[in-house]
Amino acid sequence: MATARPARHTVSVLAYPGMSVFETGIVTEVFGLPRPEFDRAWYDVTLCAEQPGPVPVIGGASLHTPHGLDAFARASTVIVPGVSDVTAGLSPDVAAALQLAHQRGARVMSICSGAFALAAAGLLDGRRATTHWRYADLLRRRFPAVEVDPDVLYIDLGDVLTSAGSAAGLDLCLHVIRQDHGATIANAVARRLVTQPHRDGGQAQFIEAPMNTIADDDAVARSLDWALARLDQPITVETLADCARMSPRTYLRHFARATGTSPIRWLINQRVQASLALLETMDASIEQIGRAVGFDSPITYRHHFSRAMRTSPAAYRRAFRTDGTSASRTGAPASGSTARRVGRVS
């Protein structure tokens, strides 16, 4: 008798008049495209609207969906990809659908200004949340019970997840894949999207920051490629600067402009990220894995891993093993040690 394939994880996305299709496109690209190469149950995405039928979107086009709020509230993950007016109230029917989904144990997510919808539904009261930096003060004023953090790319509270500006929704969606399927698959999806699997830092570094055209960015990029191929080796600012053919002082200046962080913090983050797939797939000890990605001691590895991932290497391994014992998600939060994630390395 053939073994039944596991059920696909359902994802519903709210469509609303006046929406930008960019945020919705992020969700459908990450979760909606079939991924047969992974040989596992993927996601089943449904676009839903308060009133089924044509939904006018920015640009004079319309999106047509036969699915209403009943389908929206039934999904394992429900996503609000922004709101058309951050000063307007929320439809009582949409608020009720969000509350019902949350009560059922669904994972509720917002992208950019979608946090206003979650706040209006009462899902963020007394809790941390983020939104686009331009709207952070307004979110705080309109919903004083919400603890607004404007300095992160996303916040994961387990049952409710919020992200910053539109592109940060991509970071959050990749984070969700990492939770559901592990770092190896999340990294593979990121490669297909030609984006980073994990961005270091928060959105504060992008607030009203001038765009710089730096002739030496290519040299910095070459030094990063060089370092990524040698994470297991000692790497200093001096060796990176030599690779870029710059003085250390000049290199630090160009590096900060190109990446928004320092070489040491960048290296730490890359080493932590490189260790995730090893924790998922290898039986080597925590100490051996730490050495394999360039940490000089187990204590240093555990310290930086815990700061970056908000859990320990051992707890991450227990949650995300790919030998058939990895954690699966059907709407309920992950284990306590891994459920709370923030998109920032502090």
C-alpha atoms as a PDB file:
ATOM      1  CA  MET A   1       0.000   0.000   0.000  1.00  0.00           C
ATOM      2  CA  ALA A   2       1.443   3.364  -1.001  1.00  0.00           C
ATOM      3  CA  THR A   3       2.308   5.802   1.768  1.00  0.00           C
ATOM      4  CA  ALA A   4       0.121   8.913   1.702  1.00  0.00           C
ATOM      5  CA  ARG A   5       1.986  12.139   1.011  1.00  0.00           C
ATOM      6  CA  PRO A   6       1.821  14.706   3.850  1.00  0.00           C
ATOM      7  CA  ALA A   7      -0.744  17.464   3.464  1.00  0.00           C
ATOM      8  CA  ARG A   8       0.401  20.718   1.934  1.00  0.00           C
ATOM      9  CA  HIS A   9       0.691  23.689   4.291  1.00  0.00           C
ATOM     10  CA  THR A  10      -2.011  26.194   3.349  1.00  0.00           C
ATOM     11  CA  VAL A  11      -1.191  29.892   3.029  1.00  0.00           C
ATOM     12  CA  SER A  12      -3.837  32.564   2.472  1.00  0.00           C
ATOM     13  CA  VAL A  13      -3.051  36.123   1.378  1.00  0.00           C
ATOM     14  CA  LEU A  14      -5.430  39.050   1.761  1.00  0.00           C
ATOM     15  CA  ALA A  15      -6.134  41.041  -1.406  1.00  0.00           C
ATOM     16  CA  TYR A  16      -7.682  44.475  -0.967  1.00  0.00           C
ATOM     17  CA  PRO A  17      -8.606  47.439  -3.202  1.00  0.00           C
ATOM     18  CA  GLY A  18      -5.699  49.800  -3.864  1.00  0.00           C
ATOM     19  CA  MET A  19      -3.043  47.227  -2.995  1.00  0.00           C
ATOM     20  CA  SER A  20       0.451  47.101  -4.442  1.00  0.00           C
ATOM     21  CA  VAL A  21       1.089  43.731  -6.023  1.00  0.00           C
ATOM     22  CA  PHE A  22       4.747  43.735  -4.934  1.00  0.00           C
ATOM     23  CA  GLU A  23       4.173  42.400  -1.424  1.00  0.00           C
ATOM     24  CA  THR A  24       1.671  39.840  -2.693  1.00  0.00           C
ATOM     25  CA  GLY A  25       4.187  38.852  -5.364  1.00  0.00           C
ATOM     26  CA  ILE A  26       6.779  38.149  -2.665  1.00  0.00           C
ATOM     27  CA  VAL A  27       4.410  35.719  -0.957  1.00  0.00           C
ATOM     28  CA  THR A  28       3.345  33.949  -4.143  1.00  0.00           C
ATOM     29  CA  GLU A  29       6.939  33.712  -5.395  1.00  0.00           C
ATOM     30  CA  VAL A  30       8.282  32.220  -2.164  1.00  0.00           C
ATOM     31  CA  PHE A  31       5.374  29.986  -1.164  1.00  0.00           C
ATOM     32  CA  GLY A  32       3.316  29.615  -4.339  1.00  0.00           C
ATOM     33  CA  LEU A  33       5.783  28.310  -6.902  1.00  0.00           C
ATOM     34  CA  PRO A  34       6.025  24.498  -6.973  1.00  0.00           C
ATOM     35  CA  ARG A  35       9.336  23.146  -5.677  1.00  0.00           C
ATOM     36  CA  PRO A  36       9.439  19.510  -6.866  1.00  0.00           C
ATOM     37  CA  GLU A  37      13.209  19.458  -6.484  1.00  0.00           C
ATOM     38  CA  PHE A  38      12.812  19.372  -2.697  1.00  0.00           C
ATOM     39  CA  ASP A  39      10.707  16.172  -2.749  1.00  0.00           C
ATOM     40  CA  ARG A  40       8.492  17.228   0.138  1.00  0.00           C
ATOM     41  CA  ALA A  41       5.073  18.759   0.641  1.00  0.00           C
ATOM     42  CA  TRP A  42       5.326  22.449  -0.193  1.00  0.00           C
ATOM     43  CA  TYR A  43       2.776  25.234   0.314  1.00  0.00           C
ATOM     44  CA  ASP A  44      -0.679  25.752  -1.176  1.00  0.00           C
ATOM     45  CA  VAL A  45      -1.311  29.491  -1.654  1.00  0.00           C
ATOM     46  CA  THR A  46      -4.758  31.082  -1.994  1.00  0.00           C
ATOM     47  CA  LEU A  47      -5.469  34.771  -2.615  1.00  0.00           C
ATOM     48  CA  CYS A  48      -8.571  35.903  -0.762  1.00  0.00           C
ATOM     49  CA  ALA A  49     -10.614  39.111  -0.614  1.00  0.00           C
ATOM     50  CA  GLU A  50     -13.285  40.537   1.650  1.00  0.00           C
ATOM     51  CA  GLN A  51     -15.581  40.560  -1.358  1.00  0.00           C
ATOM     52  CA  PRO A  52     -14.774  37.768  -3.856  1.00  0.00           C
ATOM     53  CA  GLY A  53     -14.474  38.961  -7.436  1.00  0.00           C
ATOM     54  CA  PRO A  54     -12.351  41.667  -9.055  1.00  0.00           C
ATOM     55  CA  VAL A  55     -10.020  43.595  -6.743  1.00  0.00           C
ATOM     56  CA  PRO A  56      -8.603  46.835  -8.196  1.00  0.00           C
ATOM     57  CA  VAL A  57      -4.868  47.224  -7.651  1.00  0.00           C
ATOM     58  CA  ILE A  58      -2.376  50.017  -8.203  1.00  0.00           C
ATOM     59  CA  GLY A  59      -1.806  50.677 -11.900  1.00  0.00           C
ATOM     60  CA  GLY A  60      -5.387  50.393 -13.080  1.00  0.00           C
ATOM     61  CA  ALA A  61      -5.457  46.600 -13.261  1.00  0.00           C
ATOM     62  CA  SER A  62      -7.581  44.235 -11.222  1.00  0.00           C
ATOM     63  CA  LEU A  63      -6.980  40.910  -9.563  1.00  0.00           C
ATOM     64  CA  HIS A  64      -9.847  38.436  -9.618  1.00  0.00           C
ATOM     65  CA  THR A  65     -10.321  35.859  -6.872  1.00  0.00           C
ATOM     66  CA  PRO A  66     -13.315  33.666  -6.030  1.00  0.00           C
ATOM     67  CA  HIS A  67     -12.097  33.194  -2.447  1.00  0.00           C
ATOM     68  CA  GLY A  68     -13.478  35.174   0.480  1.00  0.00           C
ATOM     69  CA  LEU A  69     -12.680  35.640   4.158  1.00  0.00           C
ATOM     70  CA  ASP A  70     -13.851  32.125   5.095  1.00  0.00           C
ATOM     71  CA  ALA A  71     -10.990  30.677   3.030  1.00  0.00           C
ATOM     72  CA  PHE A  72      -8.661  33.348   4.394  1.00  0.00           C
ATOM     73  CA  ALA A  73      -9.327  32.358   8.016  1.00  0.00           C
ATOM     74  CA  ARG A  74      -9.038  28.598   7.345  1.00  0.00           C
ATOM     75  CA  ALA A  75      -5.383  28.570   6.277  1.00  0.00           C
ATOM     76  CA  SER A  76      -2.456  27.427   8.394  1.00  0.00           C
ATOM     77  CA  THR A  77      -0.653  30.694   7.660  1.00  0.00           C
ATOM     78  CA  VAL A  78      -2.510  33.941   6.941  1.00  0.00           C
ATOM     79  CA  ILE A  79      -0.720  36.978   5.551  1.00  0.00           C
ATOM     80  CA  VAL A  80      -1.716  40.639   5.277  1.00  0.00           C
ATOM     81  CA  PRO A  81       0.634  42.206   2.692  1.00  0.00           C
ATOM     82  CA  GLY A  82       0.099  45.866   3.627  1.00  0.00           C
ATOM     83  CA  VAL A  83      -2.957  48.096   3.894  1.00  0.00           C
ATOM     84  CA  SER A  84      -4.046  50.743   1.411  1.00  0.00           C
ATOM     85  CA  ASP A  85      -4.470  53.488   4.055  1.00  0.00           C
ATOM     86  CA  VAL A  86      -2.562  53.439   7.344  1.00  0.00           C
ATOM     87  CA  THR A  87      -4.889  56.068   8.823  1.00  0.00           C
ATOM     88  CA  ALA A  88      -8.139  54.203   8.102  1.00  0.00           C
ATOM     89  CA  GLY A  89      -9.971  51.760  10.312  1.00  0.00           C
ATOM     90  CA  LEU A  90     -10.074  48.039   9.649  1.00  0.00           C
ATOM     91  CA  SER A  91     -13.156  46.344   8.284  1.00  0.00           C
ATOM     92  CA  PRO A  92     -14.913  44.458  11.125  1.00  0.00           C
ATOM     93  CA  ASP A  93     -15.178  41.408   8.881  1.00  0.00           C
ATOM     94  CA  VAL A  94     -11.424  41.370   8.159  1.00  0.00           C
ATOM     95  CA  ALA A  95     -10.697  41.876  11.876  1.00  0.00           C
ATOM     96  CA  ALA A  96     -12.982  38.956  12.731  1.00  0.00           C
ATOM     97  CA  ALA A  97     -11.278  36.739  10.135  1.00  0.00           C
ATOM     98  CA  LEU A  98      -7.845  37.549  11.554  1.00  0.00           C
ATOM     99  CA  GLN A  99      -9.043  36.875  15.102  1.00  0.00           C
ATOM    100  CA  LEU A 100     -10.622  33.583  14.060  1.00  0.00           C
ATOM    101  CA  ALA A 101      -7.450  32.467  12.275  1.00  0.00           C
ATOM    102  CA  HIS A 102      -5.388  33.346  15.348  1.00  0.00           C
ATOM    103  CA  GLN A 103      -7.768  31.540  17.688  1.00  0.00           C
ATOM    104  CA  ARG A 104      -7.527  28.462  15.459  1.00  0.00           C
ATOM    105  CA  GLY A 105      -3.757  28.446  15.924  1.00  0.00           C
ATOM    106  CA  ALA A 106      -2.791  29.811  12.501  1.00  0.00           C
ATOM    107  CA  ARG A 107       0.472  31.638  11.971  1.00  0.00           C
ATOM    108  CA  VAL A 108      -0.508  35.272  11.308  1.00  0.00           C
ATOM    109  CA  MET A 109       1.929  37.440   9.336  1.00  0.00           C
ATOM    110  CA  SER A 110       2.109  41.002   8.068  1.00  0.00           C
ATOM    111  CA  ILE A 111       4.345  42.711   5.549  1.00  0.00           C
ATOM    112  CA  CYS A 112       5.098  46.416   5.804  1.00  0.00           C
ATOM    113  CA  SER A 113       1.932  48.375   6.723  1.00  0.00           C
ATOM    114  CA  GLY A 114      -0.002  45.131   7.196  1.00  0.00           C
ATOM    115  CA  ALA A 115       0.944  45.487  10.874  1.00  0.00           C
ATOM    116  CA  PHE A 116      -1.824  48.111  11.145  1.00  0.00           C
ATOM    117  CA  ALA A 117      -4.393  45.431  10.303  1.00  0.00           C
ATOM    118  CA  LEU A 118      -2.986  43.035  12.898  1.00  0.00           C
ATOM    119  CA  ALA A 119      -2.930  45.811  15.488  1.00  0.00           C
ATOM    120  CA  ALA A 120      -6.514  46.844  14.703  1.00  0.00           C
ATOM    121  CA  ALA A 121      -7.580  43.224  15.178  1.00  0.00           C
ATOM    122  CA  GLY A 122      -6.019  43.283  18.656  1.00  0.00           C
ATOM    123  CA  LEU A 123      -3.355  40.675  17.845  1.00  0.00           C
ATOM    124  CA  LEU A 124      -0.442  42.936  18.789  1.00  0.00           C
ATOM    125  CA  ASP A 125      -1.655  44.309  22.121  1.00  0.00           C
ATOM    126  CA  GLY A 126       1.127  44.117  24.707  1.00  0.00           C
ATOM    127  CA  ARG A 127       3.495  42.592  22.161  1.00  0.00           C
ATOM    128  CA  ARG A 128       6.455  43.639  20.052  1.00  0.00           C
ATOM    129  CA  ALA A 129       5.906  44.383  16.388  1.00  0.00           C
ATOM    130  CA  THR A 130       7.554  46.189  13.510  1.00  0.00           C
ATOM    131  CA  THR A 131       6.488  47.944  10.336  1.00  0.00           C
ATOM    132  CA  HIS A 132       8.044  50.213   7.728  1.00  0.00           C
ATOM    133  CA  TRP A 133      10.156  52.855   9.490  1.00  0.00           C
ATOM    134  CA  ARG A 134       8.035  55.633   7.947  1.00  0.00           C
ATOM    135  CA  TYR A 135       4.945  54.300   9.720  1.00  0.00           C
ATOM    136  CA  ALA A 136       6.472  53.345  13.062  1.00  0.00           C
ATOM    137  CA  ASP A 137       5.517  56.532  14.903  1.00  0.00           C
ATOM    138  CA  LEU A 138       1.982  56.428  13.523  1.00  0.00           C
ATOM    139  CA  LEU A 139       1.589  52.776  14.528  1.00  0.00           C
ATOM    140  CA  ARG A 140       2.741  53.700  18.030  1.00  0.00           C
ATOM    141  CA  ARG A 141       0.314  56.619  18.257  1.00  0.00           C
ATOM    142  CA  ARG A 142      -2.680  54.755  16.847  1.00  0.00           C
ATOM    143  CA  PHE A 143      -2.085  51.609  18.892  1.00  0.00           C
ATOM    144  CA  PRO A 144      -0.302  52.560  22.146  1.00  0.00           C
ATOM    145  CA  ALA A 145      -0.670  49.021  23.497  1.00  0.00           C
ATOM    146  CA  VAL A 146       1.755  47.786  20.823  1.00  0.00           C
ATOM    147  CA  GLU A 147       5.497  47.808  21.569  1.00  0.00           C
ATOM    148  CA  VAL A 148       6.772  49.108  18.224  1.00  0.00           C
ATOM    149  CA  ASP A 149      10.367  48.295  17.311  1.00  0.00           C
ATOM    150  CA  PRO A 150      11.368  50.204  14.157  1.00  0.00           C
ATOM    151  CA  ASP A 151      14.953  48.918  14.088  1.00  0.00           C
ATOM    152  CA  VAL A 152      14.493  45.336  12.898  1.00  0.00           C
ATOM    153  CA  LEU A 153      13.651  43.659   9.611  1.00  0.00           C
ATOM    154  CA  TYR A 154      11.115  41.301  11.175  1.00  0.00           C
ATOM    155  CA  ILE A 155       9.881  39.996  14.514  1.00  0.00           C
ATOM    156  CA  ASP A 156       8.690  36.440  15.069  1.00  0.00           C
ATOM    157  CA  LEU A 157       6.595  35.870  18.199  1.00  0.00           C
ATOM    158  CA  GLY A 158       5.712  32.345  17.164  1.00  0.00           C
ATOM    159  CA  ASP A 159       2.019  32.887  16.457  1.00  0.00           C
ATOM    160  CA  VAL A 160       2.277  36.425  15.067  1.00  0.00           C
ATOM    161  CA  LEU A 161       5.048  37.685  12.769  1.00  0.00           C
ATOM    162  CA  THR A 162       5.560  41.222  11.473  1.00  0.00           C
ATOM    163  CA  SER A 163       8.058  42.622   8.978  1.00  0.00           C
ATOM    164  CA  ALA A 164       9.351  46.042   8.048  1.00  0.00           C
ATOM    165  CA  GLY A 165       9.351  47.698   4.607  1.00  0.00           C
ATOM    166  CA  SER A 166       8.220  45.756   1.584  1.00  0.00           C
ATOM    167  CA  ALA A 167      11.506  43.974   0.802  1.00  0.00           C
ATOM    168  CA  ALA A 168      11.765  42.881   4.444  1.00  0.00           C
ATOM    169  CA  GLY A 169       8.770  40.690   3.692  1.00  0.00           C
ATOM    170  CA  LEU A 170      11.147  38.581   1.642  1.00  0.00           C
ATOM    171  CA  ASP A 171      13.420  38.213   4.670  1.00  0.00           C
ATOM    172  CA  LEU A 172      10.448  37.134   6.766  1.00  0.00           C
ATOM    173  CA  CYS A 173       9.194  34.623   4.190  1.00  0.00           C
ATOM    174  CA  LEU A 174      12.660  33.046   3.944  1.00  0.00           C
ATOM    175  CA  HIS A 175      12.789  32.936   7.740  1.00  0.00           C
ATOM    176  CA  VAL A 176       9.486  31.039   7.745  1.00  0.00           C
ATOM    177  CA  ILE A 177      10.865  28.526   5.238  1.00  0.00           C
ATOM    178  CA  ARG A 178      13.923  28.138   7.458  1.00  0.00           C
ATOM    179  CA  GLN A 179      11.603  27.380  10.378  1.00  0.00           C
ATOM    180  CA  ASP A 180       9.440  24.958   8.423  1.00  0.00           C
ATOM    181  CA  HIS A 181      12.078  23.191   6.315  1.00  0.00           C
ATOM    182  CA  GLY A 182      15.523  24.125   7.650  1.00  0.00           C
ATOM    183  CA  ALA A 183      18.428  26.260   6.504  1.00  0.00           C
ATOM    184  CA  THR A 184      19.456  24.076   3.563  1.00  0.00           C
ATOM    185  CA  ILE A 185      16.140  24.495   1.769  1.00  0.00           C
ATOM    186  CA  ALA A 186      15.801  28.157   2.777  1.00  0.00           C
ATOM    187  CA  ASN A 187      19.236  28.819   1.303  1.00  0.00           C
ATOM    188  CA  ALA A 188      18.283  26.981  -1.890  1.00  0.00           C
ATOM    189  CA  VAL A 189      15.136  29.092  -2.272  1.00  0.00           C
ATOM    190  CA  ALA A 190      17.182  32.250  -1.638  1.00  0.00           C
ATOM    191  CA  ARG A 191      19.612  31.234  -4.374  1.00  0.00           C
ATOM    192  CA  ARG A 192      16.731  30.790  -6.798  1.00  0.00           C
ATOM    193  CA  LEU A 193      15.511  34.264  -5.844  1.00  0.00           C
ATOM    194  CA  VAL A 194      19.074  35.626  -6.195  1.00  0.00           C
ATOM    195  CA  THR A 195      18.910  37.137  -2.715  1.00  0.00           C
ATOM    196  CA  GLN A 196      20.650  36.668   0.609  1.00  0.00           C
ATOM    197  CA  PRO A 197      19.217  33.876   2.775  1.00  0.00           C
ATOM    198  CA  HIS A 198      19.648  36.096   5.825  1.00  0.00           C
ATOM    199  CA  ARG A 199      20.359  39.821   6.058  1.00  0.00           C
ATOM    200  CA  ASP A 200      22.371  41.126   8.973  1.00  0.00           C
ATOM    201  CA  GLY A 201      21.187  44.287  10.683  1.00  0.00           C
ATOM    202  CA  GLY A 202      17.960  46.200  10.988  1.00  0.00           C
ATOM    203  CA  GLN A 203      16.074  48.680   8.904  1.00  0.00           C
ATOM    204  CA  ALA A 204      17.481  51.662  10.848  1.00  0.00           C
ATOM    205  CA  GLN A 205      20.560  51.641   8.664  1.00  0.00           C
ATOM    206  CA  PHE A 206      18.341  52.367   5.630  1.00  0.00           C
ATOM    207  CA  ILE A 207      16.404  55.308   7.080  1.00  0.00           C
ATOM    208  CA  GLU A 208      16.943  58.367   4.898  1.00  0.00           C
ATOM    209  CA  ALA A 209      20.421  57.059   4.060  1.00  0.00           C
ATOM    210  CA  PRO A 210      21.975  58.534   0.901  1.00  0.00           C
ATOM    211  CA  MET A 211      22.845  56.091  -1.844  1.00  0.00           C
ATOM    212  CA  ASN A 212      26.568  56.014  -2.477  1.00  0.00           C
ATOM    213  CA  THR A 213      28.202  54.960  -5.703  1.00  0.00           C
ATOM    214  CA  ILE A 214      31.470  53.436  -4.616  1.00  0.00           C
ATOM    215  CA  ALA A 215      34.006  52.538  -7.236  1.00  0.00           C
ATOM    216  CA  ASP A 216      35.661  50.080  -4.898  1.00  0.00           C
ATOM    217  CA  ASP A 217      32.506  48.054  -4.146  1.00  0.00           C
ATOM    218  CA  ASP A 218      33.716  45.388  -6.576  1.00  0.00           C
ATOM    219  CA  ALA A 219      36.901  45.050  -4.568  1.00  0.00           C
ATOM    220  CA  VAL A 220      34.910  44.692  -1.359  1.00  0.00           C
ATOM    221  CA  ALA A 221      32.676  42.107  -3.038  1.00  0.00           C
ATOM    222  CA  ARG A 222      35.739  40.136  -4.147  1.00  0.00           C
ATOM    223  CA  SER A 223      37.029  40.131  -0.589  1.00  0.00           C
ATOM    224  CA  LEU A 224      33.675  38.798   0.654  1.00  0.00           C
ATOM    225  CA  ASP A 225      33.714  35.984  -1.901  1.00  0.00           C
ATOM    226  CA  TRP A 226      37.270  35.209  -0.854  1.00  0.00           C
ATOM    227  CA  ALA A 227      36.239  35.077   2.815  1.00  0.00           C
ATOM    228  CA  LEU A 228      33.179  32.901   2.175  1.00  0.00           C
ATOM    229  CA  ALA A 229      35.420  30.267   0.632  1.00  0.00           C
ATOM    230  CA  ARG A 230      37.665  30.302   3.732  1.00  0.00           C
ATOM    231  CA  LEU A 231      35.340  30.638   6.716  1.00  0.00           C
ATOM    232  CA  ASP A 232      37.121  27.811   8.493  1.00  0.00           C
ATOM    233  CA  GLN A 233      40.378  29.790   8.459  1.00  0.00           C
ATOM    234  CA  PRO A 234      41.476  32.769  10.577  1.00  0.00           C
ATOM    235  CA  ILE A 235      40.383  35.948   8.787  1.00  0.00           C
ATOM    236  CA  THR A 236      41.272  39.451   9.923  1.00  0.00           C
ATOM    237  CA  VAL A 237      40.451  42.930   8.691  1.00  0.00           C
ATOM    238  CA  GLU A 238      44.033  43.139   7.465  1.00  0.00           C
ATOM    239  CA  THR A 239      43.706  40.001   5.312  1.00  0.00           C
ATOM    240  CA  LEU A 240      40.411  41.231   3.859  1.00  0.00           C
ATOM    241  CA  ALA A 241      41.932  44.625   3.136  1.00  0.00           C
ATOM    242  CA  ASP A 242      44.902  42.955   1.409  1.00  0.00           C
ATOM    243  CA  CYS A 243      42.489  40.937  -0.717  1.00  0.00           C
ATOM    244  CA  ALA A 244      40.738  44.171  -1.742  1.00  0.00           C
ATOM    245  CA  ARG A 245      44.116  45.919  -2.254  1.00  0.00           C
ATOM    246  CA  MET A 246      43.254  48.643   0.257  1.00  0.00           C
ATOM    247  CA  SER A 247      44.640  49.860   3.528  1.00  0.00           C
ATOM    248  CA  PRO A 248      42.705  48.571   6.556  1.00  0.00           C
ATOM    249  CA  ARG A 249      41.356  52.047   7.286  1.00  0.00           C
ATOM    250  CA  THR A 250      40.134  52.573   3.723  1.00  0.00           C
ATOM    251  CA  TYR A 251      38.706  49.068   3.616  1.00  0.00           C
ATOM    252  CA  LEU A 252      36.684  49.598   6.804  1.00  0.00           C
ATOM    253  CA  ARG A 253      35.183  52.761   5.362  1.00  0.00           C
ATOM    254  CA  HIS A 254      34.220  51.135   2.051  1.00  0.00           C
ATOM    255  CA  PHE A 255      33.019  47.967   3.766  1.00  0.00           C
ATOM    256  CA  ALA A 256      30.637  49.918   6.008  1.00  0.00           C
ATOM    257  CA  ARG A 257      29.257  51.857   3.054  1.00  0.00           C
ATOM    258  CA  ALA A 258      28.784  48.728   0.972  1.00  0.00           C
ATOM    259  CA  THR A 259      27.294  46.447   3.644  1.00  0.00           C
ATOM    260  CA  GLY A 260      26.034  48.611   6.492  1.00  0.00           C
ATOM    261  CA  THR A 261      28.020  46.654   9.058  1.00  0.00           C
ATOM    262  CA  SER A 262      31.603  45.865  10.083  1.00  0.00           C
ATOM    263  CA  PRO A 263      33.817  43.046   8.733  1.00  0.00           C
ATOM    264  CA  ILE A 264      33.873  41.287  12.105  1.00  0.00           C
ATOM    265  CA  ARG A 265      30.105  41.319  12.507  1.00  0.00           C
ATOM    266  CA  TRP A 266      29.679  40.216   8.903  1.00  0.00           C
ATOM    267  CA  LEU A 267      32.093  37.311   9.432  1.00  0.00           C
ATOM    268  CA  ILE A 268      30.336  36.229  12.622  1.00  0.00           C
ATOM    269  CA  ASN A 269      26.981  36.220  10.886  1.00  0.00           C
ATOM    270  CA  GLN A 270      28.281  34.281   7.883  1.00  0.00           C
ATOM    271  CA  ARG A 271      29.870  31.674  10.153  1.00  0.00           C
ATOM    272  CA  VAL A 272      26.678  31.243  12.155  1.00  0.00           C
ATOM    273  CA  GLN A 273      24.648  30.901   8.949  1.00  0.00           C
ATOM    274  CA  ALA A 274      27.144  28.399   7.511  1.00  0.00           C
ATOM    275  CA  SER A 275      26.786  26.280  10.628  1.00  0.00           C
ATOM    276  CA  LEU A 276      23.014  25.860  10.270  1.00  0.00           C
ATOM    277  CA  ALA A 277      23.160  23.310   7.459  1.00  0.00           C
ATOM    278  CA  LEU A 278      25.889  21.402   9.328  1.00  0.00           C
ATOM    279  CA  LEU A 279      23.741  21.232  12.460  1.00  0.00           C
ATOM    280  CA  GLU A 280      20.846  19.936  10.382  1.00  0.00           C
ATOM    281  CA  THR A 281      22.717  17.270   8.439  1.00  0.00           C
ATOM    282  CA  MET A 282      25.868  16.226  10.321  1.00  0.00           C
ATOM    283  CA  ASP A 283      26.426  14.118  13.422  1.00  0.00           C
ATOM    284  CA  ALA A 284      29.592  16.043  14.342  1.00  0.00           C
ATOM    285  CA  SER A 285      29.738  17.575  17.799  1.00  0.00           C
ATOM    286  CA  ILE A 286      28.857  21.215  18.423  1.00  0.00           C
ATOM    287  CA  GLU A 287      32.539  21.876  19.040  1.00  0.00           C
ATOM    288  CA  GLN A 288      33.537  20.317  15.703  1.00  0.00           C
ATOM    289  CA  ILE A 289      30.913  22.296  13.814  1.00  0.00           C
ATOM    290  CA  GLY A 290      32.011  25.530  15.471  1.00  0.00           C
ATOM    291  CA  ARG A 291      35.595  24.877  14.398  1.00  0.00           C
ATOM    292  CA  ALA A 292      34.512  23.915  10.879  1.00  0.00           C
ATOM    293  CA  VAL A 293      33.013  27.371  10.324  1.00  0.00           C
ATOM    294  CA  GLY A 294      35.878  29.270  11.904  1.00  0.00           C
ATOM    295  CA  PHE A 295      35.049  29.880  15.566  1.00  0.00           C
ATOM    296  CA  ASP A 296      38.122  29.510  17.728  1.00  0.00           C
ATOM    297  CA  SER A 297      36.323  27.969  20.714  1.00  0.00           C
ATOM    298  CA  PRO A 298      33.000  26.273  21.520  1.00  0.00           C
ATOM    299  CA  ILE A 299      32.193  29.056  23.989  1.00  0.00           C
ATOM    300  CA  THR A 300      32.628  31.712  21.300  1.00  0.00           C
ATOM    301  CA  TYR A 301      30.506  29.714  18.865  1.00  0.00           C
ATOM    302  CA  ARG A 302      27.669  29.174  21.337  1.00  0.00           C
ATOM    303  CA  HIS A 303      27.759  32.834  22.382  1.00  0.00           C
ATOM    304  CA  HIS A 304      27.474  34.229  18.857  1.00  0.00           C
ATOM    305  CA  PHE A 305      24.991  31.565  17.745  1.00  0.00           C
ATOM    306  CA  SER A 306      22.684  32.336  20.664  1.00  0.00           C
ATOM    307  CA  ARG A 307      22.826  36.076  20.021  1.00  0.00           C
ATOM    308  CA  ALA A 308      22.074  35.651  16.323  1.00  0.00           C
ATOM    309  CA  MET A 309      19.474  32.870  16.434  1.00  0.00           C
ATOM    310  CA  ARG A 310      17.922  33.387  19.895  1.00  0.00           C
ATOM    311  CA  THR A 311      18.524  29.732  20.726  1.00  0.00           C
ATOM    312  CA  SER A 312      21.471  27.404  21.265  1.00  0.00           C
ATOM    313  CA  PRO A 313      23.163  25.256  18.606  1.00  0.00           C
ATOM    314  CA  ALA A 314      21.948  22.114  20.367  1.00  0.00           C
ATOM    315  CA  ALA A 315      18.347  23.337  20.521  1.00  0.00           C
ATOM    316  CA  TYR A 316      18.479  24.359  16.866  1.00  0.00           C
ATOM    317  CA  ARG A 317      19.764  20.909  15.930  1.00  0.00           C
ATOM    318  CA  ARG A 318      16.947  19.208  17.828  1.00  0.00           C
ATOM    319  CA  ALA A 319      14.345  21.399  16.094  1.00  0.00           C
ATOM    320  CA  PHE A 320      15.679  21.266  12.544  1.00  0.00           C
ATOM    321  CA  ARG A 321      17.308  17.901  11.984  1.00  0.00           C
ATOM    322  CA  THR A 322      16.683  16.698   8.426  1.00  0.00           C
ATOM    323  CA  ASP A 323      16.857  12.988   9.232  1.00  0.00           C
ATOM    324  CA  GLY A 324      13.103  12.733   9.737  1.00  0.00           C
ATOM    325  CA  THR A 325      13.057  14.226  13.217  1.00  0.00           C
ATOM    326  CA  SER A 326      12.911  17.894  12.210  1.00  0.00           C
ATOM    327  CA  ALA A 327      10.115  20.036  13.563  1.00  0.00           C
ATOM    328  CA  SER A 328       7.103  20.495  11.317  1.00  0.00           C
ATOM    329  CA  ARG A 329       4.664  23.363  11.476  1.00  0.00           C
ATOM    330  CA  THR A 330       0.922  23.201  10.903  1.00  0.00           C
ATOM    331  CA  GLY A 331      -0.024  26.556  12.399  1.00  0.00           C
ATOM    332  CA  ALA A 332       1.113  26.142  16.003  1.00  0.00           C
ATOM    333  CA  PRO A 333       4.288  27.827  17.291  1.00  0.00           C
ATOM    334  CA  ALA A 334       7.571  25.961  17.150  1.00  0.00           C
ATOM    335  CA  SER A 335       9.237  24.748  20.318  1.00  0.00           C
ATOM    336  CA  GLY A 336       9.774  27.426  22.944  1.00  0.00           C
ATOM    337  CA  SER A 337      13.497  27.696  22.348  1.00  0.00           C
ATOM    338  CA  THR A 338      13.101  28.503  18.668  1.00  0.00           C
ATOM    339  CA  ALA A 339       9.708  30.152  18.398  1.00  0.00           C
ATOM    340  CA  ARG A 340      10.865  33.720  19.079  1.00  0.00           C
ATOM    341  CA  ARG A 341      13.121  35.122  16.367  1.00  0.00           C
ATOM    342  CA  VAL A 342      14.104  38.665  15.518  1.00  0.00           C
ATOM    343  CA  GLY A 343      15.617  39.621  12.173  1.00  0.00           C
ATOM    344  CA  ARG A 344      18.625  41.336  13.641  1.00  0.00           C
ATOM    345  CA  VAL A 345      22.074  40.284  14.821  1.00  0.00           C
ATOM    346  CA  SER A 346      22.730  42.446  17.863  1.00  0.00           C
END
